[in-house]
Amino acid sequence: RNWQANGLPGDQMSVENATILSKSRRWCLCIDPQGQANAWIRRTYGDKGLKVLKTGDPNFMRTIEDSVRLGTPVLYENVGDTIDASLDPLLQKQVYRQGAQLMIRIRDAAVDYDPNFLFIMTTRLPNPHYLPEVQIKVTLLNFAVTFHGLEDQLLGEVVRHERPDLEERSDRIVVQVADARGQLTEVEDKILRLMSTASGDVLENEVLISTLKQSKETSNEIAENLRVAEHTQAEIRTAREEYRPVATRGSTAFSAITDISALEHMYQYSL
């Protein structure tokens, strides 16, 4: 829900790609001809000091070195068919330990490596052909729009135009549900932490009992708010479905127009 609030399409493929991106041990290269992944990455990591780079930037390698040292995320966008060989140590995560400090060599210089560093690449090429030696260094993710993904996005646009109150309410509910789930998880973690660190007889620890009681009340309140929000979300979803045929027709039309390029290369369209 947090991802969708940041602009990630709600179709299954996009959610799976986002999950892989957040969990992959290798740096991800996203095939993103429509720029949807790029926009989502910017919103998701923007408040974490995200640095956006393109090939040819004058301080390209210096920015990467600083980000590796400080542990800030980097988005390398508009990647071409090849990737500069100077990034190989980074792509292969050639990290080594020097004393108590993690290090990596970039441009023949040893740079402190912060484990929080994140490196994401995106390309606008719809069908790139990367050499095997590139593919084994990265995790390729295809964020190209799918039929059902585009249908869901068009449904949102149609409802936003025809029933702006409904779509605004839906967006607000998505954020509320995501926040409520996050707060509920925090409360549960707090209860477990208090129980694990308690010493002596738990029943005689008045501070612990009081805190647990307060946490339980907060948890119940959040759970009730979450139940109401999800019920409201179901009602909104039912109302939005009335406009589904319009979104389906739009997605079908775009798919047909896109396939025309296979007959004549002059016909090139993009979202």
Protein backbone atom coordinates (compact mmCIF):
# COMPACT_ATOMS: atom_id res chain seq x y z
CA ARG A 1 0.00 0.00 0.00
CA ASN A 2 2.91 2.36 0.71
CA TRP A 3 4.30 1.57 -2.73
CA GLN A 4 0.99 2.28 -4.42
CA ALA A 5 0.67 5.52 -2.48
CA ASN A 6 4.05 6.46 -4.01
CA GLY A 7 2.81 5.79 -7.54
CA LEU A 8 3.56 2.11 -8.12
CA PRO A 9 0.95 0.52 -10.45
CA GLY A 10 -1.25 -1.95 -8.59
CA ASP A 11 -0.91 -4.89 -10.99
CA GLN A 12 0.74 -8.09 -9.77
CA MET A 13 3.82 -7.83 -12.00
CA SER A 14 4.68 -4.33 -10.74
CA VAL A 15 4.26 -5.41 -7.11
CA GLU A 16 6.46 -8.48 -7.68
CA ASN A 17 9.11 -6.34 -9.38
CA ALA A 18 9.09 -3.86 -6.49
CA THR A 19 9.45 -6.72 -4.01
CA ILE A 20 12.43 -8.13 -5.90
CA LEU A 21 13.99 -4.67 -6.13
CA SER A 22 13.75 -4.18 -2.36
CA LYS A 23 15.11 -7.67 -1.54
CA SER A 24 17.56 -8.51 -4.34
CA ARG A 25 21.19 -9.16 -3.42
CA ARG A 26 22.30 -7.76 -6.78
CA TRP A 27 21.67 -4.22 -7.96
CA CYS A 28 18.59 -3.97 -10.15
CA LEU A 29 18.35 -2.72 -13.73
CA CYS A 30 14.74 -1.79 -14.51
CA ILE A 31 13.39 -1.86 -18.07
CA ASP A 32 11.10 1.13 -17.80
CA PRO A 33 9.99 2.54 -21.19
CA GLN A 34 7.01 4.40 -19.69
CA GLY A 35 8.98 5.85 -16.75
CA GLN A 36 6.63 4.46 -14.10
CA ALA A 37 9.35 2.71 -12.12
CA ASN A 38 11.50 5.83 -12.27
CA ALA A 39 8.73 7.99 -10.80
CA TRP A 40 8.01 5.43 -8.07
CA ILE A 41 11.69 5.14 -7.11
CA ARG A 42 12.02 8.93 -6.90
CA ARG A 43 9.02 9.19 -4.55
CA THR A 44 9.97 6.16 -2.45
CA TYR A 45 13.61 7.10 -1.83
CA GLY A 46 13.39 10.86 -2.28
CA ASP A 47 13.26 11.53 1.45
CA LYS A 48 16.36 9.36 1.99
CA GLY A 49 18.66 11.66 0.05
CA LEU A 50 18.29 9.98 -3.36
CA LYS A 51 20.87 11.08 -5.94
CA VAL A 52 19.74 10.96 -9.59
CA LEU A 53 22.46 10.47 -12.20
CA LYS A 54 22.65 10.20 -15.99
CA THR A 55 25.46 9.13 -18.28
CA GLY A 56 27.68 12.12 -18.99
CA ASP A 57 27.06 13.96 -15.73
CA PRO A 58 30.28 15.81 -14.89
CA ASN A 59 30.38 14.56 -11.28
CA PHE A 60 29.04 11.08 -12.01
CA MET A 61 31.73 8.97 -10.31
CA ARG A 62 32.32 11.52 -7.53
CA THR A 63 28.63 11.43 -6.61
CA ILE A 64 28.68 7.62 -6.56
CA GLU A 65 31.75 7.59 -4.32
CA ASP A 66 30.13 10.03 -1.89
CA SER A 67 26.90 8.00 -1.84
CA VAL A 68 28.79 4.75 -1.22
CA ARG A 69 30.60 6.42 1.66
CA LEU A 70 27.48 8.02 3.19
CA GLY A 71 25.03 5.18 2.48
CA THR A 72 22.57 7.22 0.39
CA PRO A 73 20.58 5.69 -2.52
CA VAL A 74 21.52 6.40 -6.14
CA LEU A 75 19.28 6.22 -9.20
CA TYR A 76 21.20 5.84 -12.48
CA GLU A 77 18.58 6.56 -15.14
CA ASN A 78 18.48 6.34 -18.95
CA VAL A 79 21.03 3.52 -19.09
CA GLY A 80 21.94 2.53 -22.66
CA ASP A 81 22.78 -0.85 -24.18
CA THR A 82 26.08 -0.95 -22.32
CA ILE A 83 27.25 -0.09 -18.81
CA ASP A 84 30.58 1.60 -18.19
CA ALA A 85 33.26 -0.84 -17.06
CA SER A 86 34.27 1.54 -14.23
CA LEU A 87 31.07 0.45 -12.45
CA ASP A 88 32.04 -3.24 -12.44
CA PRO A 89 33.40 -3.27 -8.86
CA LEU A 90 30.14 -1.69 -7.73
CA LEU A 91 27.90 -4.03 -9.75
CA GLN A 92 29.78 -7.08 -8.51
CA LYS A 93 29.80 -5.74 -4.95
CA GLN A 94 33.52 -6.29 -4.56
CA VAL A 95 33.42 -5.26 -0.91
CA TYR A 96 36.24 -6.28 1.41
CA ARG A 97 37.04 -5.67 5.05
CA GLN A 98 39.98 -3.58 6.16
CA GLY A 99 40.18 -3.78 9.91
CA ALA A 100 36.70 -2.96 11.20
CA GLN A 101 35.72 -0.98 8.09
CA LEU A 102 34.08 -2.25 4.88
CA MET A 103 35.81 -0.97 1.75
CA ILE A 104 35.35 -1.06 -2.02
CA ARG A 105 37.67 0.04 -4.81
CA ILE A 106 36.24 2.58 -7.26
CA ARG A 107 38.50 4.12 -9.92
CA ASP A 108 41.54 2.47 -8.26
CA ALA A 109 40.76 4.26 -4.99
CA ALA A 110 39.63 2.58 -1.77
CA VAL A 111 36.31 4.01 -0.60
CA ASP A 112 34.51 3.37 2.71
CA TYR A 113 31.43 1.26 2.05
CA ASP A 114 28.22 1.90 3.98
CA PRO A 115 25.90 -1.18 4.01
CA ASN A 116 22.90 1.16 3.63
CA PHE A 117 24.04 2.18 0.14
CA LEU A 118 21.52 1.40 -2.62
CA PHE A 119 22.14 1.49 -6.37
CA ILE A 120 19.24 1.29 -8.86
CA MET A 121 19.44 1.58 -12.64
CA THR A 122 16.63 2.26 -15.13
CA THR A 123 16.52 2.26 -18.92
CA ARG A 124 13.96 3.73 -21.31
CA LEU A 125 14.80 1.11 -23.95
CA PRO A 126 11.70 -1.10 -24.46
CA ASN A 127 13.65 -4.16 -25.58
CA PRO A 128 17.34 -3.81 -24.65
CA HIS A 129 19.86 -6.51 -25.56
CA TYR A 130 22.43 -6.68 -22.78
CA LEU A 131 25.43 -8.95 -23.11
CA PRO A 132 25.54 -12.02 -20.83
CA GLU A 133 28.42 -10.52 -18.84
CA VAL A 134 26.15 -7.58 -17.95
CA GLN A 135 23.11 -9.73 -17.16
CA ILE A 136 24.99 -11.87 -14.64
CA LYS A 137 25.99 -8.75 -12.67
CA VAL A 138 22.51 -7.26 -12.25
CA THR A 139 18.90 -8.28 -11.65
CA LEU A 140 16.83 -7.36 -14.70
CA LEU A 141 13.28 -6.23 -13.94
CA ASN A 142 10.69 -5.49 -16.62
CA PHE A 143 8.46 -2.61 -15.54
CA ALA A 144 6.97 -2.18 -19.02
CA VAL A 145 3.25 -1.54 -18.72
CA THR A 146 0.99 -4.61 -18.90
CA PHE A 147 -2.59 -4.77 -20.14
CA HIS A 148 -4.09 -5.15 -16.65
CA GLY A 149 -1.67 -2.66 -15.15
CA LEU A 150 -2.64 -0.01 -17.70
CA GLU A 151 -6.31 -0.88 -17.19
CA ASP A 152 -6.03 -0.20 -13.46
CA GLN A 153 -4.25 3.10 -14.10
CA LEU A 154 -6.83 4.19 -16.65
CA LEU A 155 -9.60 3.25 -14.23
CA GLY A 156 -8.07 5.59 -11.69
CA GLU A 157 -7.85 8.41 -14.26
CA VAL A 158 -11.45 7.90 -15.42
CA VAL A 159 -12.79 7.88 -11.86
CA ARG A 160 -10.64 10.90 -11.00
CA HIS A 161 -12.26 12.75 -13.90
CA GLU A 162 -15.86 11.55 -13.42
CA ARG A 163 -15.91 11.22 -9.63
CA PRO A 164 -12.99 13.23 -8.21
CA ASP A 165 -14.46 12.97 -4.69
CA LEU A 166 -14.41 9.16 -4.92
CA GLU A 167 -10.83 8.94 -6.16
CA GLU A 168 -9.55 11.44 -3.58
CA ARG A 169 -11.29 9.41 -0.89
CA SER A 170 -9.71 6.24 -2.25
CA ASP A 171 -6.22 7.78 -2.24
CA ARG A 172 -6.74 9.02 1.31
CA ILE A 173 -7.95 5.60 2.49
CA VAL A 174 -4.93 3.85 0.95
CA VAL A 175 -2.60 6.13 2.94
CA GLN A 176 -4.64 5.70 6.13
CA VAL A 177 -4.62 1.90 5.85
CA ALA A 178 -0.86 1.85 5.22
CA ASP A 179 -0.23 4.14 8.21
CA ALA A 180 -2.53 2.09 10.46
CA ARG A 181 -0.79 -1.16 9.56
CA GLY A 182 2.58 0.43 10.22
CA GLN A 183 1.45 1.72 13.63
CA LEU A 184 -0.02 -1.69 14.50
CA THR A 185 3.27 -3.39 13.67
CA GLU A 186 5.17 -0.87 15.81
CA VAL A 187 2.87 -1.46 18.78
CA GLU A 188 3.24 -5.25 18.47
CA ASP A 189 7.02 -4.93 18.26
CA LYS A 190 7.00 -2.68 21.33
CA ILE A 191 5.01 -5.25 23.34
CA LEU A 192 7.40 -8.04 22.36
CA ARG A 193 10.41 -5.88 23.19
CA LEU A 194 9.05 -5.01 26.64
CA MET A 195 8.28 -8.65 27.39
CA SER A 196 11.72 -9.83 26.29
CA THR A 197 13.63 -7.21 28.32
CA ALA A 198 11.54 -7.49 31.49
CA SER A 199 13.38 -8.81 34.52
CA GLY A 200 12.04 -10.42 37.68
CA ASP A 201 8.36 -11.20 38.21
CA VAL A 202 6.44 -9.70 35.29
CA LEU A 203 3.21 -9.53 37.29
CA GLU A 204 4.85 -7.27 39.88
CA ASN A 205 6.32 -4.87 37.34
CA GLU A 206 3.73 -2.07 37.47
CA VAL A 207 5.47 0.04 34.81
CA LEU A 208 5.51 -2.88 32.41
CA ILE A 209 1.88 -3.78 33.08
CA SER A 210 0.79 -0.16 32.61
CA THR A 211 2.73 0.14 29.36
CA LEU A 212 1.35 -3.15 28.08
CA LYS A 213 -2.20 -2.08 28.93
CA GLN A 214 -1.75 1.23 27.13
CA SER A 215 -0.18 -0.52 24.14
CA LYS A 216 -3.05 -2.99 24.01
CA GLU A 217 -5.63 -0.19 24.03
CA THR A 218 -3.74 1.59 21.27
CA SER A 219 -3.53 -1.65 19.31
CA ASN A 220 -7.28 -2.24 19.60
CA GLU A 221 -8.02 1.33 18.52
CA ILE A 222 -5.74 1.05 15.49
CA ALA A 223 -7.22 -2.34 14.57
CA GLU A 224 -10.75 -0.89 14.69
CA ASN A 225 -9.75 2.10 12.56
CA LEU A 226 -8.10 -0.31 10.14
CA ARG A 227 -11.27 -2.42 9.92
CA VAL A 228 -13.40 0.66 9.17
CA ALA A 229 -10.91 1.91 6.57
CA GLU A 230 -10.77 -1.45 4.78
CA HIS A 231 -14.60 -1.66 4.78
CA THR A 232 -14.76 1.83 3.25
CA GLN A 233 -12.10 0.85 0.74
CA ALA A 234 -14.22 -2.14 -0.35
CA GLU A 235 -17.22 0.15 -0.90
CA ILE A 236 -15.11 2.54 -2.97
CA ARG A 237 -13.75 -0.36 -5.01
CA THR A 238 -17.29 -1.50 -5.83
CA ALA A 239 -18.28 2.01 -6.94
CA ARG A 240 -15.15 2.33 -9.12
CA GLU A 241 -15.92 -0.92 -10.95
CA GLU A 242 -18.82 0.81 -12.74
CA TYR A 243 -16.19 2.56 -14.88
CA ARG A 244 -14.17 -0.62 -15.59
CA PRO A 245 -15.45 -1.05 -19.21
CA VAL A 246 -14.06 2.38 -20.16
CA ALA A 247 -10.63 1.50 -18.74
CA THR A 248 -10.66 -1.89 -20.47
CA ARG A 249 -11.44 -0.28 -23.83
CA GLY A 250 -8.63 2.25 -23.37
CA SER A 251 -6.11 -0.45 -22.48
CA THR A 252 -7.20 -2.53 -25.47
CA ALA A 253 -6.83 0.47 -27.79
CA PHE A 254 -3.31 1.22 -26.51
CA SER A 255 -2.26 -2.43 -26.90
CA ALA A 256 -3.50 -2.44 -30.50
CA ILE A 257 -1.77 0.85 -31.33
CA THR A 258 1.49 -0.38 -29.79
CA ASP A 259 1.41 -3.58 -31.89
CA ILE A 260 1.03 -1.56 -35.10
CA SER A 261 4.76 -0.76 -34.90
CA ALA A 262 5.42 -4.40 -35.74
CA LEU A 263 3.80 -3.77 -39.14
CA GLU A 264 5.31 -0.34 -39.79
CA HIS A 265 8.15 1.10 -37.70
CA MET A 266 6.91 4.68 -38.25
CA TYR A 267 4.10 4.06 -35.78
CA GLN A 268 5.75 4.63 -32.40
CA TYR A 269 3.66 5.49 -29.37
CA SER A 270 4.37 5.95 -25.69
CA LEU A 271 2.40 6.68 -22.54
